[in-house]
PDB file of N, CA and C in Angstrom:
ATOM      1  N   MET A   1     128.283 111.708  94.887  1.00  0.00           N
ATOM      2  CA  MET A   1     128.104 110.561  95.758  1.00  0.00           C
ATOM      3  C   MET A   1     126.613 110.285  95.930  1.00  0.00           C
ATOM      4  N   GLU A   2     126.219 109.023  95.804  1.00  0.00           N
ATOM      5  CA  GLU A   2     124.821 108.646  95.941  1.00  0.00           C
ATOM      6  C   GLU A   2     124.385 108.667  97.394  1.00  0.00           C
ATOM      7  N   ALA A   3     123.127 109.031  97.603  1.00  0.00           N
ATOM      8  CA  ALA A   3     122.577 109.062  98.957  1.00  0.00           C
ATOM      9  C   ALA A   3     122.237 107.657  99.450  1.00  0.00           C
ATOM     10  N   SER A   4     122.107 106.705  98.525  1.00  0.00           N
ATOM     11  CA  SER A   4     121.737 105.341  98.885  1.00  0.00           C
ATOM     12  C   SER A   4     122.772 104.374  98.341  1.00  0.00           C
ATOM     13  N   ASN A   5     122.983 103.277  99.052  1.00  0.00           N
ATOM     14  CA  ASN A   5     123.892 102.235  98.592  1.00  0.00           C
ATOM     15  C   ASN A   5     123.199 101.269  97.648  1.00  0.00           C
ATOM     16  N   GLN A   6     121.903 101.414  97.455  1.00  0.00           N
ATOM     17  CA  GLN A   6     121.138 100.506  96.628  1.00  0.00           C
ATOM     18  C   GLN A   6     121.472 100.723  95.159  1.00  0.00           C
ATOM     19  N   HIS A   7     121.814  99.659  94.473  1.00  0.00           N
ATOM     20  CA  HIS A   7     122.133  99.720  93.059  1.00  0.00           C
ATOM     21  C   HIS A   7     120.870 100.048  92.272  1.00  0.00           C
ATOM     22  N   PRO A   8     120.950 100.943  91.294  1.00  0.00           N
ATOM     23  CA  PRO A   8     119.745 101.348  90.561  1.00  0.00           C
ATOM     24  C   PRO A   8     118.982 100.182  89.936  1.00  0.00           C
ATOM     25  N   SER A   9     119.676  99.135  89.501  1.00  0.00           N
ATOM     26  CA  SER A   9     118.981  98.028  88.846  1.00  0.00           C
ATOM     27  C   SER A   9     118.157  97.192  89.822  1.00  0.00           C
ATOM     28  N   THR A  10     118.374  97.339  91.128  1.00  0.00           N
ATOM     29  CA  THR A  10     117.588  96.584  92.101  1.00  0.00           C
ATOM     30  C   THR A  10     116.456  97.408  92.711  1.00  0.00           C
ATOM     31  N   PHE A  11     116.394  98.684  92.402  1.00  0.00           N
ATOM     32  CA  PHE A  11     115.389  99.549  93.019  1.00  0.00           C
ATOM     33  C   PHE A  11     113.971  99.084  92.722  1.00  0.00           C
ATOM     34  N   THR A  12     113.638  98.849  91.447  1.00  0.00           N
ATOM     35  CA  THR A  12     112.262  98.463  91.123  1.00  0.00           C
ATOM     36  C   THR A  12     111.914  97.115  91.749  1.00  0.00           C
ATOM     37  N   ARG A  13     112.855  96.188  91.752  1.00  0.00           N
ATOM     38  CA  ARG A  13     112.613  94.883  92.363  1.00  0.00           C
ATOM     39  C   ARG A  13     112.345  95.035  93.864  1.00  0.00           C
ATOM     40  N   THR A  14     113.169  95.818  94.546  1.00  0.00           N
ATOM     41  CA  THR A  14     113.014  96.030  95.979  1.00  0.00           C
ATOM     42  C   THR A  14     111.677  96.677  96.299  1.00  0.00           C
ATOM     43  N   GLU A  15     111.296  97.678  95.528  1.00  0.00           N
ATOM     44  CA  GLU A  15     110.012  98.357  95.757  1.00  0.00           C
ATOM     45  C   GLU A  15     108.830  97.429  95.511  1.00  0.00           C
ATOM     46  N   LEU A  16     108.919  96.608  94.461  1.00  0.00           N
ATOM     47  CA  LEU A  16     107.839  95.664  94.181  1.00  0.00           C
ATOM     48  C   LEU A  16     107.766  94.607  95.281  1.00  0.00           C
ATOM     49  N   GLU A  17     108.903  94.089  95.719  1.00  0.00           N
ATOM     50  CA  GLU A  17     108.916  93.113  96.818  1.00  0.00           C
ATOM     51  C   GLU A  17     108.291  93.705  98.077  1.00  0.00           C
ATOM     52  N   ARG A  18     108.629  94.953  98.395  1.00  0.00           N
ATOM     53  CA  ARG A  18     108.079  95.620  99.574  1.00  0.00           C
ATOM     54  C   ARG A  18     106.558  95.718  99.470  1.00  0.00           C
ATOM     55  N   ALA A  19     106.063  96.153  98.325  1.00  0.00           N
ATOM     56  CA  ALA A  19     104.618  96.295  98.139  1.00  0.00           C
ATOM     57  C   ALA A  19     103.914  94.942  98.219  1.00  0.00           C
ATOM     58  N   LEU A  20     104.499  93.917  97.624  1.00  0.00           N
ATOM     59  CA  LEU A  20     103.900  92.582  97.670  1.00  0.00           C
ATOM     60  C   LEU A  20     103.866  92.044  99.100  1.00  0.00           C
ATOM     61  N   THR A  21     104.904  92.305  99.864  1.00  0.00           N
ATOM     62  CA  THR A  21     104.947  91.869 101.259  1.00  0.00           C
ATOM     63  C   THR A  21     103.873  92.578 102.076  1.00  0.00           C
ATOM     64  N   GLU A  22     103.748  93.896 101.892  1.00  0.00           N
ATOM     65  CA  GLU A  22     102.751  94.669 102.636  1.00  0.00           C
ATOM     66  C   GLU A  22     101.325  94.230 102.329  1.00  0.00           C
ATOM     67  N   GLN A  23     101.083  93.794 101.111  1.00  0.00           N
ATOM     68  CA  GLN A  23      99.720  93.432 100.694  1.00  0.00           C
ATOM     69  C   GLN A  23      99.527  91.924 100.597  1.00  0.00           C
ATOM     70  N   SER A  24     100.425  91.147 101.190  1.00  0.00           N
ATOM     71  CA  SER A  24     100.378  89.685 101.044  1.00  0.00           C
ATOM     72  C   SER A  24      99.077  89.076 101.571  1.00  0.00           C
ATOM     73  N   PHE A  25      98.430  89.736 102.528  1.00  0.00           N
ATOM     74  CA  PHE A  25      97.157  89.230 103.050  1.00  0.00           C
ATOM     75  C   PHE A  25      96.072  89.235 101.981  1.00  0.00           C
ATOM     76  N   GLY A  26      96.256  89.998 100.934  1.00  0.00           N
ATOM     77  CA  GLY A  26      95.203  90.190  99.948  1.00  0.00           C
ATOM     78  C   GLY A  26      95.372  89.425  98.649  1.00  0.00           C
ATOM     79  N   VAL A  27      96.334  88.505  98.602  1.00  0.00           N
ATOM     80  CA  VAL A  27      96.520  87.659  97.420  1.00  0.00           C
ATOM     81  C   VAL A  27      96.796  86.235  97.871  1.00  0.00           C
ATOM     82  N   ILE A  28      96.521  85.289  97.008  1.00  0.00           N
ATOM     83  CA  ILE A  28      96.841  83.895  97.310  1.00  0.00           C
ATOM     84  C   ILE A  28      98.347  83.677  97.199  1.00  0.00           C
ATOM     85  N   SER A  29      98.926  84.214  96.123  1.00  0.00           N
ATOM     86  CA  SER A  29     100.366  84.069  95.931  1.00  0.00           C
ATOM     87  C   SER A  29     100.882  85.174  95.024  1.00  0.00           C
ATOM     88  N   SER A  30     102.190  85.370  95.087  1.00  0.00           N
ATOM     89  CA  SER A  30     102.845  86.329  94.199  1.00  0.00           C
ATOM     90  C   SER A  30     104.261  85.846  93.932  1.00  0.00           C
ATOM     91  N   LYS A  31     104.756  86.194  92.760  1.00  0.00           N
ATOM     92  CA  LYS A  31     106.104  85.787  92.378  1.00  0.00           C
ATOM     93  C   LYS A  31     106.678  86.831  91.437  1.00  0.00           C
ATOM     94  N   ILE A  32     107.865  87.319  91.752  1.00  0.00           N
ATOM     95  CA  ILE A  32     108.533  88.261  90.850  1.00  0.00           C
ATOM     96  C   ILE A  32     109.089  87.469  89.674  1.00  0.00           C
ATOM     97  N   LEU A  33     108.761  87.927  88.487  1.00  0.00           N
ATOM     98  CA  LEU A  33     109.162  87.236  87.268  1.00  0.00           C
ATOM     99  C   LEU A  33     110.409  87.832  86.635  1.00  0.00           C
ATOM    100  N   HIS A  34     110.533  89.157  86.741  1.00  0.00           N
ATOM    101  CA  HIS A  34     111.631  89.844  86.061  1.00  0.00           C
ATOM    102  C   HIS A  34     111.840  91.201  86.730  1.00  0.00           C
ATOM    103  N   ALA A  35     113.077  91.650  86.731  1.00  0.00           N
ATOM    104  CA  ALA A  35     113.362  92.995  87.245  1.00  0.00           C
ATOM    105  C   ALA A  35     114.531  93.586  86.469  1.00  0.00           C
ATOM    106  N   SER A  36     114.388  94.852  86.143  1.00  0.00           N
ATOM    107  CA  SER A  36     115.465  95.599  85.497  1.00  0.00           C
ATOM    108  C   SER A  36     115.537  96.967  86.156  1.00  0.00           C
ATOM    109  N   GLU A  37     116.371  97.806  85.638  1.00  0.00           N
ATOM    110  CA  GLU A  37     116.525  99.149  86.203  1.00  0.00           C
ATOM    111  C   GLU A  37     115.237  99.955  86.100  1.00  0.00           C
ATOM    112  N   ARG A  38     114.454  99.728  85.064  1.00  0.00           N
ATOM    113  CA  ARG A  38     113.264 100.540  84.810  1.00  0.00           C
ATOM    114  C   ARG A  38     111.934  99.888  85.162  1.00  0.00           C
ATOM    115  N   GLU A  39     111.940  98.573  85.345  1.00  0.00           N
ATOM    116  CA  GLU A  39     110.663  97.889  85.544  1.00  0.00           C
ATOM    117  C   GLU A  39     110.867  96.556  86.259  1.00  0.00           C
ATOM    118  N   ALA A  40     109.908  96.217  87.117  1.00  0.00           N
ATOM    119  CA  ALA A  40     109.859  94.895  87.751  1.00  0.00           C
ATOM    120  C   ALA A  40     108.472  94.322  87.489  1.00  0.00           C
ATOM    121  N   THR A  41     108.435  93.023  87.225  1.00  0.00           N
ATOM    122  CA  THR A  41     107.191  92.356  86.857  1.00  0.00           C
ATOM    123  C   THR A  41     106.929  91.200  87.812  1.00  0.00           C
ATOM    124  N   ALA A  42     105.654  91.042  88.177  1.00  0.00           N
ATOM    125  CA  ALA A  42     105.279  89.940  89.070  1.00  0.00           C
ATOM    126  C   ALA A  42     103.969  89.321  88.608  1.00  0.00           C
ATOM    127  N   MET A  43     103.793  88.058  88.975  1.00  0.00           N
ATOM    128  CA  MET A  43     102.540  87.364  88.740  1.00  0.00           C
ATOM    129  C   MET A  43     101.831  87.255  90.082  1.00  0.00           C
ATOM    130  N   LEU A  44     100.555  87.598  90.107  1.00  0.00           N
ATOM    131  CA  LEU A  44      99.728  87.515  91.313  1.00  0.00           C
ATOM    132  C   LEU A  44      98.580  86.554  91.066  1.00  0.00           C
ATOM    133  N   VAL A  45      98.195  85.844  92.096  1.00  0.00           N
ATOM    134  CA  VAL A  45      96.937  85.101  92.063  1.00  0.00           C
ATOM    135  C   VAL A  45      96.052  85.776  93.103  1.00  0.00           C
ATOM    136  N   LEU A  46      94.970  86.377  92.624  1.00  0.00           N
ATOM    137  CA  LEU A  46      94.044  87.094  93.496  1.00  0.00           C
ATOM    138  C   LEU A  46      93.252  86.117  94.362  1.00  0.00           C
ATOM    139  N   LEU A  47      92.605  86.635  95.390  1.00  0.00           N
ATOM    140  CA  LEU A  47      91.818  85.797  96.289  1.00  0.00           C
ATOM    141  C   LEU A  47      90.686  85.090  95.557  1.00  0.00           C
ATOM    142  N   GLU A  48      90.236  85.649  94.453  1.00  0.00           N
ATOM    143  CA  GLU A  48      89.186  85.010  93.648  1.00  0.00           C
ATOM    144  C   GLU A  48      89.736  83.874  92.791  1.00  0.00           C
ATOM    145  N   GLY A  49      91.068  83.729  92.748  1.00  0.00           N
ATOM    146  CA  GLY A  49      91.685  82.671  91.947  1.00  0.00           C
ATOM    147  C   GLY A  49      92.173  83.128  90.596  1.00  0.00           C
ATOM    148  N   ASN A  50      91.901  84.374  90.213  1.00  0.00           N
ATOM    149  CA  ASN A  50      92.357  84.898  88.936  1.00  0.00           C
ATOM    150  C   ASN A  50      93.838  85.227  88.995  1.00  0.00           C
ATOM    151  N   ALA A  51      94.549  84.923  87.928  1.00  0.00           N
ATOM    152  CA  ALA A  51      95.965  85.283  87.836  1.00  0.00           C
ATOM    153  C   ALA A  51      96.100  86.558  87.027  1.00  0.00           C
ATOM    154  N   MET A  52      97.058  87.377  87.414  1.00  0.00           N
ATOM    155  CA  MET A  52      97.358  88.567  86.640  1.00  0.00           C
ATOM    156  C   MET A  52      98.835  88.874  86.750  1.00  0.00           C
ATOM    157  N   THR A  53      99.344  89.513  85.723  1.00  0.00           N
ATOM    158  CA  THR A  53     100.718  89.970  85.741  1.00  0.00           C
ATOM    159  C   THR A  53     100.691  91.480  85.877  1.00  0.00           C
ATOM    160  N   ILE A  54     101.525  91.978  86.781  1.00  0.00           N
ATOM    161  CA  ILE A  54     101.625  93.423  87.001  1.00  0.00           C
ATOM    162  C   ILE A  54     103.070  93.845  86.844  1.00  0.00           C
ATOM    163  N   SER A  55     103.264  95.123  86.614  1.00  0.00           N
ATOM    164  CA  SER A  55     104.621  95.645  86.595  1.00  0.00           C
ATOM    165  C   SER A  55     104.664  96.944  87.371  1.00  0.00           C
ATOM    166  N   LEU A  56     105.847  97.251  87.879  1.00  0.00           N
ATOM    167  CA  LEU A  56     106.100  98.509  88.556  1.00  0.00           C
ATOM    168  C   LEU A  56     107.136  99.256  87.739  1.00  0.00           C
ATOM    169  N   SER A  57     106.775 100.468  87.344  1.00  0.00           N
ATOM    170  CA  SER A  57     107.692 101.302  86.567  1.00  0.00           C
ATOM    171  C   SER A  57     107.470 102.760  86.967  1.00  0.00           C
ATOM    172  N   SER A  58     108.041 103.659  86.223  1.00  0.00           N
ATOM    173  CA  SER A  58     107.852 105.085  86.517  1.00  0.00           C
ATOM    174  C   SER A  58     106.396 105.508  86.367  1.00  0.00           C
ATOM    175  N   ARG A  59     105.593 104.728  85.669  1.00  0.00           N
ATOM    176  CA  ARG A  59     104.164 105.020  85.517  1.00  0.00           C
ATOM    177  C   ARG A  59     103.358 104.556  86.715  1.00  0.00           C
ATOM    178  N   GLY A  60     103.955 103.759  87.591  1.00  0.00           N
ATOM    179  CA  GLY A  60     103.254 103.211  88.736  1.00  0.00           C
ATOM    180  C   GLY A  60     103.067 101.720  88.573  1.00  0.00           C
ATOM    181  N   PHE A  61     102.019 101.179  89.194  1.00  0.00           N
ATOM    182  CA  PHE A  61     101.699  99.763  89.088  1.00  0.00           C
ATOM    183  C   PHE A  61     100.758  99.583  87.910  1.00  0.00           C
ATOM    184  N   LEU A  62     101.167  98.758  86.952  1.00  0.00           N
ATOM    185  CA  LEU A  62     100.382  98.532  85.744  1.00  0.00           C
ATOM    186  C   LEU A  62      99.948  97.085  85.645  1.00  0.00           C
ATOM    187  N   ILE A  63      98.749  96.882  85.149  1.00  0.00           N
ATOM    188  CA  ILE A  63      98.279  95.539  84.847  1.00  0.00           C
ATOM    189  C   ILE A  63      98.767  95.218  83.444  1.00  0.00           C
ATOM    190  N   THR A  64      99.573  94.162  83.321  1.00  0.00           N
ATOM    191  CA  THR A  64     100.118  93.822  82.005  1.00  0.00           C
ATOM    192  C   THR A  64      99.428  92.623  81.379  1.00  0.00           C
ATOM    193  N   SER A  65      98.799  91.777  82.184  1.00  0.00           N
ATOM    194  CA  SER A  65      97.935  90.722  81.664  1.00  0.00           C
ATOM    195  C   SER A  65      96.976  90.317  82.763  1.00  0.00           C
ATOM    196  N   ASP A  66      95.843  89.778  82.362  1.00  0.00           N
ATOM    197  CA  ASP A  66      94.783  89.488  83.310  1.00  0.00           C
ATOM    198  C   ASP A  66      93.992  88.294  82.799  1.00  0.00           C
ATOM    199  N   THR A  67      93.753  87.305  83.655  1.00  0.00           N
ATOM    200  CA  THR A  67      92.967  86.150  83.229  1.00  0.00           C
ATOM    201  C   THR A  67      91.611  86.174  83.912  1.00  0.00           C
ATOM    202  N   ALA A  68      90.621  86.587  83.189  1.00  0.00           N
ATOM    203  CA  ALA A  68      89.216  86.445  83.594  1.00  0.00           C
ATOM    204  C   ALA A  68      88.746  87.381  84.699  1.00  0.00           C
ATOM    205  N   SER A  69      89.423  88.465  84.968  1.00  0.00           N
ATOM    206  CA  SER A  69      88.891  89.416  85.943  1.00  0.00           C
ATOM    207  C   SER A  69      88.031  90.439  85.207  1.00  0.00           C
ATOM    208  N   PRO A  70      86.750  90.501  85.535  1.00  0.00           N
ATOM    209  CA  PRO A  70      85.864  91.421  84.808  1.00  0.00           C
ATOM    210  C   PRO A  70      86.034  92.879  85.219  1.00  0.00           C
ATOM    211  N   TYR A  71      86.875  93.159  86.198  1.00  0.00           N
ATOM    212  CA  TYR A  71      86.962  94.506  86.744  1.00  0.00           C
ATOM    213  C   TYR A  71      88.082  95.344  86.149  1.00  0.00           C
ATOM    214  N   THR A  72      88.946  94.762  85.350  1.00  0.00           N
ATOM    215  CA  THR A  72      90.150  95.470  84.935  1.00  0.00           C
ATOM    216  C   THR A  72      90.378  95.418  83.441  1.00  0.00           C
ATOM    217  N   HIS A  73      91.318  96.238  83.029  1.00  0.00           N
ATOM    218  CA  HIS A  73      91.769  96.256  81.650  1.00  0.00           C
ATOM    219  C   HIS A  73      93.288  96.278  81.648  1.00  0.00           C
ATOM    220  N   VAL A  74      93.855  95.487  80.775  1.00  0.00           N
ATOM    221  CA  VAL A  74      95.303  95.501  80.629  1.00  0.00           C
ATOM    222  C   VAL A  74      95.745  96.913  80.275  1.00  0.00           C
ATOM    223  N   GLY A  75      96.793  97.379  80.916  1.00  0.00           N
ATOM    224  CA  GLY A  75      97.311  98.717  80.674  1.00  0.00           C
ATOM    225  C   GLY A  75      96.901  99.748  81.703  1.00  0.00           C
ATOM    226  N   ASP A  76      95.913  99.414  82.545  1.00  0.00           N
ATOM    227  CA  ASP A  76      95.522 100.348  83.600  1.00  0.00           C
ATOM    228  C   ASP A  76      96.687 100.543  84.567  1.00  0.00           C
ATOM    229  N   ALA A  77      96.901 101.776  84.985  1.00  0.00           N
ATOM    230  CA  ALA A  77      97.989 102.091  85.911  1.00  0.00           C
ATOM    231  C   ALA A  77      97.410 102.618  87.230  1.00  0.00           C
ATOM    232  N   TYR A  78      98.095 102.304  88.328  1.00  0.00           N
ATOM    233  CA  TYR A  78      97.658 102.689  89.664  1.00  0.00           C
ATOM    234  C   TYR A  78      98.851 103.232  90.436  1.00  0.00           C
ATOM    235  N   GLU A  79      98.604 104.166  91.328  1.00  0.00           N
ATOM    236  CA  GLU A  79      99.678 104.774  92.110  1.00  0.00           C
ATOM    237  C   GLU A  79     100.289 103.789  93.100  1.00  0.00           C
ATOM    238  N   THR A  80      99.456 102.913  93.677  1.00  0.00           N
ATOM    239  CA  THR A  80      99.948 101.940  94.653  1.00  0.00           C
ATOM    240  C   THR A  80      99.390 100.558  94.331  1.00  0.00           C
ATOM    241  N   LEU A  81     100.043  99.536  94.881  1.00  0.00           N
ATOM    242  CA  LEU A  81      99.521  98.179  94.727  1.00  0.00           C
ATOM    243  C   LEU A  81      98.186  98.043  95.448  1.00  0.00           C
ATOM    244  N   GLU A  82      98.041  98.728  96.569  1.00  0.00           N
ATOM    245  CA  GLU A  82      96.764  98.711  97.294  1.00  0.00           C
ATOM    246  C   GLU A  82      95.643  99.245  96.410  1.00  0.00           C
ATOM    247  N   ASP A  83      95.879 100.334  95.683  1.00  0.00           N
ATOM    248  CA  ASP A  83      94.868 100.877  94.769  1.00  0.00           C
ATOM    249  C   ASP A  83      94.501  99.864  93.697  1.00  0.00           C
ATOM    250  N   LEU A  84      95.513  99.219  93.141  1.00  0.00           N
ATOM    251  CA  LEU A  84      95.275  98.228  92.092  1.00  0.00           C
ATOM    252  C   LEU A  84      94.425  97.085  92.641  1.00  0.00           C
ATOM    253  N   LEU A  85      94.828  96.519  93.772  1.00  0.00           N
ATOM    254  CA  LEU A  85      94.095  95.393  94.342  1.00  0.00           C
ATOM    255  C   LEU A  85      92.680  95.784  94.760  1.00  0.00           C
ATOM    256  N   SER A  86      92.520  96.987  95.280  1.00  0.00           N
ATOM    257  CA  SER A  86      91.180  97.452  95.669  1.00  0.00           C
ATOM    258  C   SER A  86      90.253  97.535  94.471  1.00  0.00           C
ATOM    259  N   THR A  87      90.808  97.839  93.321  1.00  0.00           N
ATOM    260  CA  THR A  87      90.014  97.968  92.106  1.00  0.00           C
ATOM    261  C   THR A  87      89.674  96.624  91.486  1.00  0.00           C
ATOM    262  N   VAL A  88      90.607  95.681  91.502  1.00  0.00           N
ATOM    263  CA  VAL A  88      90.414  94.441  90.754  1.00  0.00           C
ATOM    264  C   VAL A  88      89.875  93.275  91.570  1.00  0.00           C
ATOM    265  N   SER A  89      89.883  93.381  92.908  1.00  0.00           N
ATOM    266  CA  SER A  89      89.522  92.228  93.726  1.00  0.00           C
ATOM    267  C   SER A  89      88.520  92.602  94.821  1.00  0.00           C
ATOM    268  N   LYS A  90      87.300  92.144  94.662  1.00  0.00           N
ATOM    269  CA  LYS A  90      86.294  92.388  95.698  1.00  0.00           C
ATOM    270  C   LYS A  90      86.682  91.698  97.000  1.00  0.00           C
ATOM    271  N   GLN A  91      87.248  90.511  96.903  1.00  0.00           N
ATOM    272  CA  GLN A  91      87.660  89.776  98.108  1.00  0.00           C
ATOM    273  C   GLN A  91      88.793  90.487  98.837  1.00  0.00           C
ATOM    274  N   TYR A  92      89.677  91.160  98.102  1.00  0.00           N
ATOM    275  CA  TYR A  92      90.744  91.943  98.739  1.00  0.00           C
ATOM    276  C   TYR A  92      90.124  92.991  99.655  1.00  0.00           C
ATOM    277  N   ASN A  93      89.103  93.666  99.172  1.00  0.00           N
ATOM    278  CA  ASN A  93      88.459  94.709  99.980  1.00  0.00           C
ATOM    279  C   ASN A  93      87.833  94.135 101.247  1.00  0.00           C
ATOM    280  N   VAL A  94      87.239  92.954 101.146  1.00  0.00           N
ATOM    281  CA  VAL A  94      86.643  92.304 102.315  1.00  0.00           C
ATOM    282  C   VAL A  94      87.727  91.961 103.337  1.00  0.00           C
ATOM    283  N   VAL A  95      88.805  91.340 102.865  1.00  0.00           N
ATOM    284  CA  VAL A  95      89.882  90.927 103.767  1.00  0.00           C
ATOM    285  C   VAL A  95      90.587  92.151 104.347  1.00  0.00           C
ATOM    286  N   LYS A  96      90.800  93.181 103.540  1.00  0.00           N
ATOM    287  CA  LYS A  96      91.441  94.402 104.033  1.00  0.00           C
ATOM    288  C   LYS A  96      90.620  95.003 105.172  1.00  0.00           C
ATOM    289  N   HIS A  97      89.312  95.018 105.020  1.00  0.00           N
ATOM    290  CA  HIS A  97      88.429  95.535 106.071  1.00  0.00           C
ATOM    291  C   HIS A  97      88.549  94.684 107.342  1.00  0.00           C
ATOM    292  N   GLN A  98      88.589  93.355 107.179  1.00  0.00           N
ATOM    293  CA  GLN A  98      88.730  92.462 108.330  1.00  0.00           C
ATOM    294  C   GLN A  98      90.051  92.699 109.058  1.00  0.00           C
ATOM    295  N   VAL A  99      91.136  92.834 108.303  1.00  0.00           N
ATOM    296  CA  VAL A  99      92.457  93.063 108.899  1.00  0.00           C
ATOM    297  C   VAL A  99      92.469  94.391 109.648  1.00  0.00           C
ATOM    298  N   LEU A 100      91.909  95.420 109.041  1.00  0.00           N
ATOM    299  CA  LEU A 100      91.858  96.728 109.691  1.00  0.00           C
ATOM    300  C   LEU A 100      91.028  96.675 110.973  1.00  0.00           C
ATOM    301  N   THR A 101      89.898  96.003 110.928  1.00  0.00           N
ATOM    302  CA  THR A 101      89.040  95.870 112.100  1.00  0.00           C
ATOM    303  C   THR A 101      89.770  95.139 113.226  1.00  0.00           C
ATOM    304  N   GLN A 102      90.493  94.069 112.888  1.00  0.00           N
ATOM    305  CA  GLN A 102      91.258  93.327 113.897  1.00  0.00           C
ATOM    306  C   GLN A 102      92.333  94.205 114.528  1.00  0.00           C
ATOM    307  N   LYS A 103      93.033  94.979 113.712  1.00  0.00           N
ATOM    308  CA  LYS A 103      94.083  95.862 114.231  1.00  0.00           C
ATOM    309  C   LYS A 103      93.501  96.947 115.131  1.00  0.00           C
ATOM    310  N   LEU A 104      92.378  97.514 114.729  1.00  0.00           N
ATOM    311  CA  LEU A 104      91.741  98.536 115.557  1.00  0.00           C
ATOM    312  C   LEU A 104      91.229  97.950 116.870  1.00  0.00           C
ATOM    313  N   SER A 105      90.690  96.748 116.823  1.00  0.00           N
ATOM    314  CA  SER A 105      90.225  96.072 118.049  1.00  0.00           C
ATOM    315  C   SER A 105      91.390  95.808 118.988  1.00  0.00           C
ATOM    316  N   ALA A 106      92.500  95.353 118.448  1.00  0.00           N
ATOM    317  CA  ALA A 106      93.690  95.083 119.272  1.00  0.00           C
ATOM    318  C   ALA A 106      94.216  96.383 119.878  1.00  0.00           C
ATOM    319  N   LEU A 107      94.208  97.437 119.105  1.00  0.00           N
ATOM    320  CA  LEU A 107      94.669  98.737 119.600  1.00  0.00           C
ATOM    321  C   LEU A 107      93.739  99.238 120.698  1.00  0.00           C
ATOM    322  N   SER A 108      92.455  99.093 120.486  1.00  0.00           N
ATOM    323  CA  SER A 108      91.473  99.530 121.478  1.00  0.00           C
ATOM    324  C   SER A 108      91.637  98.743 122.776  1.00  0.00           C
ATOM    325  N   ALA A 109      91.897  97.446 122.668  1.00  0.00           N
ATOM    326  CA  ALA A 109      92.058  96.613 123.860  1.00  0.00           C
ATOM    327  C   ALA A 109      93.298  97.033 124.650  1.00  0.00           C
ATOM    328  N   THR A 110      94.354  97.432 123.985  1.00  0.00           N
ATOM    329  CA  THR A 110      95.579  97.814 124.713  1.00  0.00           C
ATOM    330  C   THR A 110      95.466  99.196 125.326  1.00  0.00           C
ATOM    331  N   THR A 111      94.634 100.069 124.757  1.00  0.00           N
ATOM    332  CA  THR A 111      94.507 101.421 125.302  1.00  0.00           C
ATOM    333  C   THR A 111      93.504 101.498 126.439  1.00  0.00           C
ATOM    334  N   THR A 112      92.624 100.516 126.562  1.00  0.00           N
ATOM    335  CA  THR A 112      91.618 100.541 127.628  1.00  0.00           C
ATOM    336  C   THR A 112      92.061  99.760 128.857  1.00  0.00           C
ATOM    337  N   VAL A 113      93.196  99.098 128.775  1.00  0.00           N
ATOM    338  CA  VAL A 113      93.673  98.305 129.917  1.00  0.00           C
ATOM    339  C   VAL A 113      94.350  99.181 130.932  1.00  0.00           C
TER     340      VAL A 113
END
């Protein structure tokens, strides 16, 4: 008996959707293009305007195509989508820092009241 009700063919899609949702502040847009039991693929438009295609598989998050980003190479693999975005997008790092600072400020304001 399986521990999860999730069908194996939807696992990669669900995981990629979750990662894209968590990191949505750091991209202009994202769209899942394909999903199978072993791999899910999405197209991202980075904050710099560059488009790239990524996939999620047993190897992790892989860059499968890239248009004009000088920071990456097709085939590079990353453990998380956050790692991938931190490497390929300078603007992602700026926005991530801003979001973290806002969250810490909000937390500080609620603990000092």
